[in-house]
N, C-alpha and C. Protein backbone atom coordinates (compact mmCIF):
# COMPACT_ATOMS: atom_id res chain seq x y z
N ILE A 1 85.05 132.80 121.76
CA ILE A 1 86.32 132.70 121.56
C ILE A 1 86.51 134.86 121.33
N GLU A 2 87.83 135.05 122.11
CA GLU A 2 87.57 136.83 122.10
C GLU A 2 89.17 137.07 121.63
N GLY A 3 89.36 137.53 120.92
CA GLY A 3 90.96 138.63 120.55
C GLY A 3 92.27 137.55 120.29
N PHE A 4 91.64 135.86 119.55
CA PHE A 4 92.16 134.83 119.61
C PHE A 4 92.69 135.12 118.09
N ARG A 5 93.73 135.15 117.52
CA ARG A 5 94.55 134.87 116.57
C ARG A 5 93.45 135.65 115.15
N GLY A 6 93.06 135.88 114.50
CA GLY A 6 92.09 136.18 113.60
C GLY A 6 90.67 136.76 113.87
N ILE A 7 90.55 136.54 115.08
CA ILE A 7 89.08 136.96 115.58
C ILE A 7 89.44 137.79 115.96
N ASN A 8 88.91 139.29 115.37
CA ASN A 8 88.90 140.85 116.44
C ASN A 8 87.43 141.24 116.43
N ASN A 9 87.08 140.28 117.37
CA ASN A 9 85.68 140.96 118.28
C ASN A 9 85.56 140.98 119.88
N GLU A 10 86.18 142.64 119.85
CA GLU A 10 85.97 142.71 121.08
C GLU A 10 84.49 143.20 121.81
N ASP A 11 84.31 142.59 123.13
CA ASP A 11 83.39 142.71 123.68
C ASP A 11 82.33 141.51 123.38
N ASN A 12 82.79 141.04 122.43
CA ASN A 12 81.33 140.65 121.30
C ASN A 12 82.05 139.05 120.70
N PRO A 13 81.95 138.15 122.06
CA PRO A 13 82.88 136.62 121.81
C PRO A 13 81.74 135.94 120.85
N LEU A 14 82.77 135.21 120.12
CA LEU A 14 82.41 134.52 119.30
C LEU A 14 82.11 132.98 120.12
N VAL A 15 80.45 132.56 119.35
CA VAL A 15 80.51 131.43 120.69
C VAL A 15 79.61 130.57 119.22
N LEU A 16 80.20 129.29 119.68
CA LEU A 16 79.84 127.86 118.68
C LEU A 16 79.63 126.89 119.58
N GLU A 17 78.46 126.35 119.35
CA GLU A 17 78.13 124.99 120.06
C GLU A 17 78.20 123.86 119.15
N PHE A 18 79.08 123.03 119.96
CA PHE A 18 79.29 121.43 119.17
C PHE A 18 78.41 120.30 120.18
N ARG A 19 77.98 119.53 119.18
CA ARG A 19 77.27 118.39 119.28
C ARG A 19 78.26 117.34 119.60
N HIS A 20 77.71 116.58 121.23
CA HIS A 20 78.28 115.89 121.50
C HIS A 20 78.34 114.50 121.13
N ASP A 21 77.34 114.08 120.44
CA ASP A 21 77.31 112.96 119.77
C ASP A 21 77.24 112.71 117.90
N ALA A 22 78.26 113.83 118.12
CA ALA A 22 78.72 113.34 116.86
C ALA A 22 79.61 114.25 116.11
N VAL A 23 80.12 114.08 114.75
CA VAL A 23 81.61 115.00 114.51
C VAL A 23 81.11 115.92 114.32
N ASN A 24 82.10 116.87 114.63
CA ASN A 24 81.18 118.51 114.22
C ASN A 24 82.52 118.92 113.32
N SER A 25 82.12 119.61 112.01
CA SER A 25 82.64 120.41 111.05
C SER A 25 82.54 121.77 110.84
N ILE A 26 83.34 122.45 110.39
CA ILE A 26 82.98 123.78 110.63
C ILE A 26 83.58 124.29 109.32
N PHE A 27 82.78 124.94 108.05
CA PHE A 27 82.72 125.23 106.99
C PHE A 27 82.28 126.72 106.88
N ALA A 28 83.36 127.41 106.25
CA ALA A 28 82.87 129.26 105.86
C ALA A 28 83.79 129.30 104.93
N PRO A 29 83.77 130.10 103.90
CA PRO A 29 84.10 131.04 102.89
C PRO A 29 86.02 131.17 103.67
N ASN A 30 86.78 131.35 103.03
CA ASN A 30 88.00 131.87 103.02
C ASN A 30 88.22 133.15 104.06
N ALA A 31 89.02 133.14 105.37
CA ALA A 31 89.36 134.57 105.71
C ALA A 31 88.25 134.33 106.64
N PHE A 32 87.36 133.62 106.99
CA PHE A 32 86.21 133.66 107.78
C PHE A 32 86.83 132.94 109.13
N GLY A 33 87.91 132.79 109.56
CA GLY A 33 88.07 132.57 110.83
C GLY A 33 88.19 130.97 111.11
N LYS A 34 87.79 130.01 110.20
CA LYS A 34 88.05 128.67 110.91
C LYS A 34 89.33 128.18 111.00
N SER A 35 89.92 128.72 110.71
CA SER A 35 91.61 128.49 111.62
C SER A 35 91.94 128.66 112.56
N SER A 36 91.11 130.07 112.70
CA SER A 36 91.63 130.94 114.04
C SER A 36 90.34 129.85 115.17
N ILE A 37 89.36 129.61 114.85
CA ILE A 37 88.89 128.43 115.71
C ILE A 37 89.48 127.11 115.94
N TYR A 38 89.85 126.83 114.84
CA TYR A 38 90.54 125.34 115.24
C TYR A 38 91.80 125.74 116.20
N GLU A 39 92.49 126.56 115.79
CA GLU A 39 93.88 127.15 116.60
C GLU A 39 93.61 127.22 118.20
N ALA A 40 92.33 128.21 118.10
CA ALA A 40 91.87 128.64 119.50
C ALA A 40 91.45 127.45 120.78
N LEU A 41 90.72 126.37 119.76
CA LEU A 41 90.93 125.03 120.95
C LEU A 41 91.57 124.14 120.81
N PHE A 42 92.35 123.90 119.80
CA PHE A 42 94.00 123.44 120.09
C PHE A 42 94.78 124.22 120.99
N TYR A 43 94.88 125.15 121.02
CA TYR A 43 95.36 126.33 122.16
C TYR A 43 94.88 125.87 123.80
N ALA A 44 93.59 125.96 123.66
CA ALA A 44 92.86 125.98 124.93
C ALA A 44 93.24 124.33 125.75
N ILE A 45 93.33 123.64 124.53
CA ILE A 45 93.56 122.05 125.02
C ILE A 45 95.32 121.76 125.41
N ARG A 46 96.19 122.04 124.45
CA ARG A 46 97.58 121.54 124.22
C ARG A 46 98.03 122.63 124.91
N GLY A 47 98.19 124.03 125.22
CA GLY A 47 98.66 124.97 125.41
C GLY A 47 99.42 125.75 123.84
N THR A 48 99.50 125.22 123.52
CA THR A 48 100.39 125.66 122.19
C THR A 48 99.81 125.46 120.60
N ILE A 49 100.53 126.21 119.63
CA ILE A 49 99.83 125.97 118.52
C ILE A 49 101.21 125.51 117.40
N PRO A 50 101.01 124.90 117.18
CA PRO A 50 102.48 124.07 116.41
C PRO A 50 103.16 124.57 115.09
N LYS A 51 101.46 125.21 114.10
CA LYS A 51 102.73 126.20 113.31
C LYS A 51 102.94 127.58 113.68
N LEU A 52 102.48 127.94 114.94
CA LEU A 52 103.58 129.23 115.16
C LEU A 52 104.67 128.48 115.93
N GLU A 53 104.85 127.49 116.77
CA GLU A 53 106.42 126.82 116.86
C GLU A 53 107.06 126.93 115.97
N GLY A 54 106.77 126.46 115.08
CA GLY A 54 107.74 126.61 113.53
C GLY A 54 108.20 127.43 112.51
N LEU A 55 107.57 128.83 113.55
CA LEU A 55 108.14 129.50 113.05
C LEU A 55 109.76 129.47 113.23
N PRO A 56 109.94 130.70 112.06
CA PRO A 56 111.74 131.39 112.28
C PRO A 56 111.30 132.25 114.05
N ALA A 57 112.82 131.96 114.40
CA ALA A 57 112.88 132.69 115.47
C ALA A 57 112.83 134.28 115.67
N SER A 58 113.18 134.91 114.73
CA SER A 58 113.12 136.01 113.81
C SER A 58 111.35 136.57 113.52
N ASP A 59 110.47 135.29 113.29
CA ASP A 59 108.93 135.89 112.97
C ASP A 59 108.31 136.38 114.72
N TYR A 60 108.53 135.72 115.56
CA TYR A 60 108.69 136.03 117.30
C TYR A 60 107.17 135.23 117.23
N ALA A 61 107.12 134.42 117.43
CA ALA A 61 106.15 133.47 117.42
C ALA A 61 104.70 133.43 118.35
N PRO A 62 105.23 134.22 119.68
CA PRO A 62 104.37 134.67 120.75
C PRO A 62 103.25 135.89 120.17
N ALA A 63 103.70 136.74 119.61
CA ALA A 63 103.21 137.76 118.80
C ALA A 63 102.11 137.52 118.40
N TYR A 64 101.88 136.14 117.46
CA TYR A 64 100.93 135.79 116.33
C TYR A 64 99.47 135.16 117.58
N TYR A 65 99.51 135.18 118.73
CA TYR A 65 98.86 134.62 119.25
C TYR A 65 97.47 135.11 119.48
N CYS A 66 97.34 136.68 119.87
CA CYS A 66 96.19 137.22 120.56
C CYS A 66 96.53 138.07 118.83
N ASN A 67 94.79 138.60 118.64
CA ASN A 67 94.85 139.31 117.69
C ASN A 67 95.35 140.88 117.79
N ARG A 68 96.26 141.48 117.16
CA ARG A 68 96.78 142.81 117.34
C ARG A 68 95.72 143.81 117.29
N PHE A 69 94.64 143.50 116.83
CA PHE A 69 93.14 144.73 116.48
C PHE A 69 92.77 144.89 118.03
N HIS A 70 92.78 143.86 118.85
CA HIS A 70 92.06 143.68 119.88
C HIS A 70 92.87 144.60 120.86
N SER A 71 92.19 145.54 121.85
CA SER A 71 92.35 146.36 122.50
C SER A 71 93.32 146.04 123.92
N PRO A 72 92.60 145.04 124.31
CA PRO A 72 93.36 144.64 125.58
C PRO A 72 94.12 143.96 125.54
N GLN A 73 94.74 143.58 124.24
CA GLN A 73 95.77 142.69 123.56
C GLN A 73 96.13 141.37 124.70
N LYS A 74 94.94 140.75 124.98
CA LYS A 74 95.10 139.43 125.42
C LYS A 74 93.66 138.69 124.58
N ALA A 75 93.90 136.76 124.71
CA ALA A 75 92.74 136.26 123.96
C ALA A 75 92.26 135.42 124.99
N THR A 76 90.87 135.21 124.85
CA THR A 76 90.31 134.82 125.92
C THR A 76 89.12 133.59 125.21
N ILE A 77 89.62 132.38 125.51
CA ILE A 77 88.99 130.99 124.98
C ILE A 77 87.99 130.47 126.49
N LEU A 78 86.42 130.50 126.30
CA LEU A 78 85.80 129.91 127.15
C LEU A 78 85.20 128.82 127.00
N LEU A 79 85.35 127.63 127.74
CA LEU A 79 85.18 126.55 127.14
C LEU A 79 84.05 126.15 128.42
N THR A 80 82.32 125.81 127.86
CA THR A 80 81.60 124.87 128.67
C THR A 80 81.06 124.21 128.09
N LEU A 81 81.49 122.57 129.09
CA LEU A 81 81.50 121.26 129.05
C LEU A 81 80.54 120.68 129.92
N ALA A 82 79.69 120.22 129.35
CA ALA A 82 78.31 119.52 130.19
C ALA A 82 79.07 117.99 130.05
N PRO A 83 78.95 118.07 132.05
CA PRO A 83 79.57 116.22 131.69
C PRO A 83 78.44 115.34 131.89
N ASP A 84 79.14 113.99 131.34
CA ASP A 84 78.24 113.00 130.87
C ASP A 84 77.58 112.49 131.97
N ASP A 85 77.68 112.65 133.55
CA ASP A 85 77.23 112.38 134.35
C ASP A 85 75.95 113.65 134.77
N GLY A 86 75.39 114.02 134.30
CA GLY A 86 74.37 115.12 134.35
C GLY A 86 74.74 116.25 135.33
N THR A 87 76.37 116.10 136.01
CA THR A 87 76.46 117.36 137.00
C THR A 87 76.29 118.18 136.39
N ASP A 88 76.44 119.25 137.34
CA ASP A 88 76.66 121.05 136.42
C ASP A 88 77.36 121.24 135.53
N ASP A 89 77.47 122.02 134.77
CA ASP A 89 77.96 122.36 133.55
C ASP A 89 79.82 123.18 134.26
N ILE A 90 80.83 122.69 133.53
CA ILE A 90 81.89 122.93 133.84
C ILE A 90 82.69 123.96 132.92
N VAL A 91 82.96 124.83 133.69
CA VAL A 91 83.45 126.20 132.44
C VAL A 91 84.97 126.19 132.67
N VAL A 92 85.52 126.33 131.66
CA VAL A 92 87.15 126.41 131.82
C VAL A 92 87.89 127.62 130.91
N GLN A 93 88.18 128.21 131.48
CA GLN A 93 88.66 129.81 130.81
C GLN A 93 90.11 129.68 130.33
N VAL A 94 90.72 129.90 129.35
CA VAL A 94 92.34 129.95 129.13
C VAL A 94 92.20 131.33 128.39
N GLU A 95 93.16 132.04 129.25
CA GLU A 95 93.62 133.14 128.67
C GLU A 95 94.74 133.40 127.80
N ARG A 96 95.38 133.99 127.03
CA ARG A 96 96.75 134.38 126.50
C ARG A 96 97.01 135.83 127.18
N LEU A 97 97.92 136.20 128.16
CA LEU A 97 97.58 137.22 128.76
C LEU A 97 98.93 137.86 127.34
N PRO A 98 98.50 139.15 127.84
CA PRO A 98 99.68 140.09 126.95
C PRO A 98 101.61 139.95 127.22
N ASP A 99 101.18 139.11 128.30
CA ASP A 99 102.76 139.47 128.33
C ASP A 99 103.03 137.75 127.68
N GLY A 100 102.31 137.20 127.28
CA GLY A 100 102.64 135.66 126.97
C GLY A 100 102.01 134.54 128.11
N ARG A 101 101.68 134.58 128.83
CA ARG A 101 101.60 133.49 129.47
C ARG A 101 100.45 132.87 129.29
N ARG A 102 99.74 131.70 129.76
CA ARG A 102 98.97 131.20 129.57
C ARG A 102 98.19 131.05 131.31
N GLN A 103 97.02 131.71 131.49
CA GLN A 103 96.10 131.40 132.29
C GLN A 103 94.94 130.39 131.79
N VAL A 104 94.92 129.16 133.21
CA VAL A 104 93.72 128.49 133.19
C VAL A 104 92.85 128.77 134.07
N SER A 105 91.46 129.00 134.26
CA SER A 105 91.19 129.30 135.44
C SER A 105 89.69 128.47 135.28
N SER A 106 88.82 128.76 136.38
CA SER A 106 87.43 127.69 136.16
C SER A 106 86.33 128.71 136.64
N PRO A 107 85.88 129.31 136.08
CA PRO A 107 84.37 130.74 136.43
C PRO A 107 83.40 130.34 137.25
N SER A 108 83.27 128.51 136.72
CA SER A 108 82.19 127.60 137.65
C SER A 108 82.65 127.24 138.73
N GLY A 109 84.32 127.35 139.19
CA GLY A 109 84.46 126.72 140.45
C GLY A 109 85.29 125.28 140.36
N HIS A 110 85.41 124.82 138.72
CA HIS A 110 86.16 123.58 139.41
C HIS A 110 87.04 123.57 139.81
N ALA A 111 87.81 122.94 140.40
CA ALA A 111 89.21 122.47 141.19
C ALA A 111 90.25 122.37 140.26
N ALA A 112 89.79 121.40 139.24
CA ALA A 112 91.16 121.14 138.73
C ALA A 112 91.21 121.59 136.99
N PRO A 113 91.25 122.72 136.42
CA PRO A 113 90.46 122.77 135.10
C PRO A 113 91.28 122.78 133.95
N GLU A 114 92.67 122.41 134.65
CA GLU A 114 93.79 122.19 133.98
C GLU A 114 93.81 120.40 133.48
N ALA A 115 93.27 119.34 134.42
CA ALA A 115 93.10 118.19 134.38
C ALA A 115 91.95 118.31 133.72
N ILE A 116 91.09 119.01 133.57
CA ILE A 116 89.62 118.60 132.53
C ILE A 116 90.40 118.78 131.31
N LEU A 117 91.03 119.58 130.86
CA LEU A 117 91.82 119.86 129.96
C LEU A 117 92.99 118.94 129.35
N ARG A 118 93.65 118.16 129.79
CA ARG A 118 94.01 117.31 129.90
C ARG A 118 93.67 116.44 129.24
N SER A 119 92.05 115.54 129.96
CA SER A 119 91.32 115.03 129.58
C SER A 119 90.74 114.82 128.20
N LEU A 120 90.25 116.24 127.82
CA LEU A 120 89.95 116.46 127.11
C LEU A 120 91.13 116.27 125.45
N ASP A 121 92.28 116.51 125.83
CA ASP A 121 93.63 116.03 124.82
C ASP A 121 93.44 114.62 125.12
N ASN A 122 92.88 114.06 125.29
CA ASN A 122 92.85 112.31 125.41
C ASN A 122 91.60 111.63 124.53
N ASP A 123 90.54 112.42 124.98
CA ASP A 123 89.43 112.13 124.38
C ASP A 123 88.55 113.02 122.90
N LEU A 124 89.31 114.04 123.06
CA LEU A 124 89.19 114.81 121.75
C LEU A 124 90.11 114.87 120.62
N VAL A 125 89.44 114.89 119.00
CA VAL A 125 90.42 114.84 118.17
C VAL A 125 90.23 115.92 117.59
N LEU A 126 91.25 116.80 117.09
CA LEU A 126 91.18 118.24 116.52
C LEU A 126 92.06 117.93 115.24
N LEU A 127 91.58 117.92 113.99
CA LEU A 127 91.82 117.66 112.73
C LEU A 127 91.63 119.12 111.89
N ASP A 128 93.09 119.69 111.25
CA ASP A 128 93.24 120.30 110.54
C ASP A 128 92.87 119.94 109.01
N TYR A 129 92.88 120.90 107.84
CA TYR A 129 92.73 120.59 106.92
C TYR A 129 94.05 119.13 106.01
N LYS A 130 95.17 119.89 106.42
CA LYS A 130 96.42 119.53 106.19
C LYS A 130 97.23 118.32 106.80
N THR A 131 96.00 117.84 107.92
CA THR A 131 96.36 116.51 108.62
C THR A 131 94.99 115.64 107.94
N PHE A 132 93.94 116.00 107.66
CA PHE A 132 92.86 115.63 106.97
C PHE A 132 93.38 115.19 105.78
N ARG A 133 94.05 116.16 104.97
CA ARG A 133 94.28 115.66 103.80
C ARG A 133 95.61 114.71 103.37
N ASP A 134 96.35 114.49 104.68
CA ASP A 134 97.70 113.78 104.58
C ASP A 134 97.19 112.75 105.13
N PHE A 135 95.88 112.21 106.04
CA PHE A 135 95.16 110.91 105.92
C PHE A 135 94.65 110.32 104.48
N ILE A 136 93.93 111.42 104.05
CA ILE A 136 93.95 110.72 102.72
C ILE A 136 94.32 110.47 101.65
N ASP A 137 95.56 110.71 101.90
CA ASP A 137 96.78 110.45 100.69
C ASP A 137 98.07 109.25 101.05
N ASP A 138 97.39 108.67 103.05
CA ASP A 138 98.13 107.90 103.66
C ASP A 138 98.08 106.41 102.29
N SER A 139 99.12 105.46 102.77
CA SER A 139 98.41 104.32 102.47
C SER A 139 97.19 103.81 103.41
N PRO A 140 96.83 102.62 102.45
CA PRO A 140 96.02 101.88 103.74
C PRO A 140 95.88 101.35 105.21
N LEU A 141 97.48 100.65 105.21
CA LEU A 141 97.37 100.39 106.53
C LEU A 141 97.98 101.43 107.19
N GLN A 142 97.98 102.62 106.71
CA GLN A 142 98.43 104.12 108.02
C GLN A 142 97.34 104.50 108.04
N ARG A 143 96.14 104.48 106.90
CA ARG A 143 95.26 104.95 107.31
C ARG A 143 94.23 103.84 108.11
N GLY A 144 94.48 102.68 108.08
CA GLY A 144 93.59 102.04 109.12
C GLY A 144 94.31 102.40 110.51
N ARG A 145 95.29 102.10 110.91
CA ARG A 145 96.37 102.60 112.23
C ARG A 145 95.53 104.38 112.53
N SER A 146 95.72 105.48 111.59
CA SER A 146 94.57 106.59 112.20
C SER A 146 93.53 106.64 112.58
N MET A 147 92.88 105.56 111.70
CA MET A 147 91.23 105.67 112.05
C MET A 147 91.16 104.42 113.71
N ALA A 148 92.14 103.80 113.87
CA ALA A 148 91.93 103.46 114.78
C ALA A 148 92.12 104.19 116.42
N SER A 149 93.41 104.61 116.12
CA SER A 149 93.72 106.33 116.84
C SER A 149 92.38 107.27 117.35
N LEU A 150 91.69 107.13 116.06
CA LEU A 150 90.65 107.88 115.84
C LEU A 150 89.60 107.70 117.26
N VAL A 151 89.07 106.47 117.13
CA VAL A 151 87.90 105.86 117.56
C VAL A 151 88.63 105.07 119.21
N GLY A 152 89.88 105.59 119.30
CA GLY A 152 90.63 105.14 120.13
C GLY A 152 90.73 103.99 120.89
N LEU A 153 91.15 103.26 119.36
CA LEU A 153 91.95 101.87 119.65
C LEU A 153 93.08 101.69 119.49
N GLY A 154 93.74 103.45 119.15
CA GLY A 154 95.46 103.38 119.15
C GLY A 154 96.39 102.76 119.96
N ARG A 155 95.81 102.68 121.00
CA ARG A 155 96.94 101.78 122.20
C ARG A 155 96.83 99.88 122.05
N LEU A 156 95.21 99.85 121.43
CA LEU A 156 95.10 98.74 121.15
C LEU A 156 96.21 97.89 120.25
N SER A 157 95.83 98.63 119.33
CA SER A 157 97.06 98.67 117.93
C SER A 157 98.26 98.04 118.41
N GLU A 158 98.83 99.18 119.01
CA GLU A 158 100.19 99.10 119.20
C GLU A 158 100.35 97.89 119.90
N LEU A 159 99.56 97.49 121.24
CA LEU A 159 99.88 96.22 122.05
C LEU A 159 99.96 95.18 120.81
N ARG A 160 98.78 95.02 119.89
CA ARG A 160 98.81 93.73 118.86
C ARG A 160 99.33 93.86 118.47
N GLN A 161 100.47 94.56 117.75
CA GLN A 161 101.86 94.82 116.93
C GLN A 161 102.84 94.38 117.64
N ALA A 162 102.90 94.93 119.16
CA ALA A 162 104.22 94.02 119.93
C ALA A 162 103.81 92.52 119.77
N LEU A 163 102.25 92.54 120.28
CA LEU A 163 102.18 90.63 120.65
C LEU A 163 102.45 90.12 119.07
N GLN A 164 102.48 90.64 118.14
CA GLN A 164 102.57 89.85 116.92
C GLN A 164 104.17 89.75 116.44
N VAL A 165 104.90 90.47 117.06
CA VAL A 165 106.62 90.80 116.80
C VAL A 165 107.11 90.10 118.09
N LEU A 166 106.33 89.78 118.97
CA LEU A 166 106.56 88.36 120.20
C LEU A 166 106.39 87.28 119.88
N ALA A 167 104.76 87.14 119.28
CA ALA A 167 104.51 85.87 118.75
C ALA A 167 105.85 85.04 117.56
N ASN A 168 106.83 85.92 116.92
CA ASN A 168 107.70 85.49 116.18
C ASN A 168 108.66 85.10 116.90
N ALA A 169 109.20 83.56 117.00
CA ALA A 169 110.30 83.27 117.67
C ALA A 169 111.46 83.39 117.29
N ARG A 170 111.90 83.94 115.85
CA ARG A 170 112.95 83.99 115.08
C ARG A 170 113.48 85.11 115.97
N ASN A 171 112.41 86.54 116.16
CA ASN A 171 112.95 87.58 116.67
C ASN A 171 113.38 87.46 118.03
N ILE A 172 112.62 86.88 118.79
CA ILE A 172 112.69 86.37 120.38
C ILE A 172 114.08 85.83 120.60
N ASP A 173 114.13 84.77 119.43
CA ASP A 173 115.68 84.45 119.51
C ASP A 173 116.52 84.83 119.03
N THR A 174 116.49 86.18 118.26
CA THR A 174 117.71 87.36 117.92
C THR A 174 117.64 87.91 118.68
N ASP A 175 116.83 88.15 119.33
CA ASP A 175 116.81 89.51 120.21
C ASP A 175 117.63 89.28 121.73
N PHE A 176 117.43 88.05 122.06
CA PHE A 176 117.84 87.43 123.05
C PHE A 176 119.02 86.40 123.04
N GLY A 177 118.90 86.04 122.19
CA GLY A 177 120.00 85.15 121.87
C GLY A 177 120.34 83.59 122.44
N LEU A 178 118.62 83.57 122.17
CA LEU A 178 118.90 82.51 122.96
C LEU A 178 119.44 81.09 122.61
N SER A 179 120.00 80.80 121.15
CA SER A 179 120.55 79.48 120.89
C SER A 179 121.94 79.38 120.98
N THR A 180 122.14 80.71 121.02
CA THR A 180 123.78 81.01 121.87
C THR A 180 123.44 80.65 123.62
N LEU A 181 122.87 80.69 123.69
CA LEU A 181 122.54 80.12 125.69
C LEU A 181 122.17 79.23 125.84
N GLU A 182 121.40 78.55 124.75
CA GLU A 182 120.69 77.05 124.68
C GLU A 182 122.06 76.49 124.79
N SER A 183 122.89 76.39 123.70
CA SER A 183 124.26 76.01 123.45
C SER A 183 125.24 76.37 125.05
N ARG A 184 125.61 76.96 125.49
CA ARG A 184 126.12 77.23 126.63
C ARG A 184 125.98 76.38 127.34
N VAL A 185 124.18 76.04 128.04
CA VAL A 185 123.79 75.20 128.95
C VAL A 185 123.87 73.90 128.73
N THR A 186 123.89 73.64 127.15
CA THR A 186 124.08 72.54 127.35
C THR A 186 125.39 72.16 127.50
N ALA A 187 126.43 72.72 126.93
CA ALA A 187 128.14 72.54 127.14
C ALA A 187 128.15 72.39 128.73
N LEU A 188 127.51 73.29 129.17
CA LEU A 188 128.03 73.34 130.70
C LEU A 188 127.08 71.67 131.55
């Protein structure tokens, strides 16, 4: 990561290595760039930073993506991904250009770097402190749903809930007016 948000490290990229088989956490004292690292990953994968998008228009959110003291006035996030199938690493570069555009490329030559990022958006869970705190404060039912989502069972949980609703015959009768239809058919 270079020149993104609070990371001012011209020609000296911040390099992080995450384990593929574990939950990865970043701990450091205040003002050491933890939030900027999180936001860089979020921006690389999703193309936005919700905290900035929520700023009032007068604050001009696009000005806060790149570090103001980074002379190129662009931010670079380089992701090196090791595929599970043993093939060569895939490198995806995401840049926030001085004009505010997001540019995605693959220095390793991958044909569809945007597709790789979209797949990460489905497979990777980025959790900031506020979201974690909200999770802790949630009801047990909501925590269970969130946990199911974290481990990839969110869609299964939604399907199970839908089937429970359908299993209640009274709901079907009410929703589709089956009693009324049955009375009409009998009358005819």
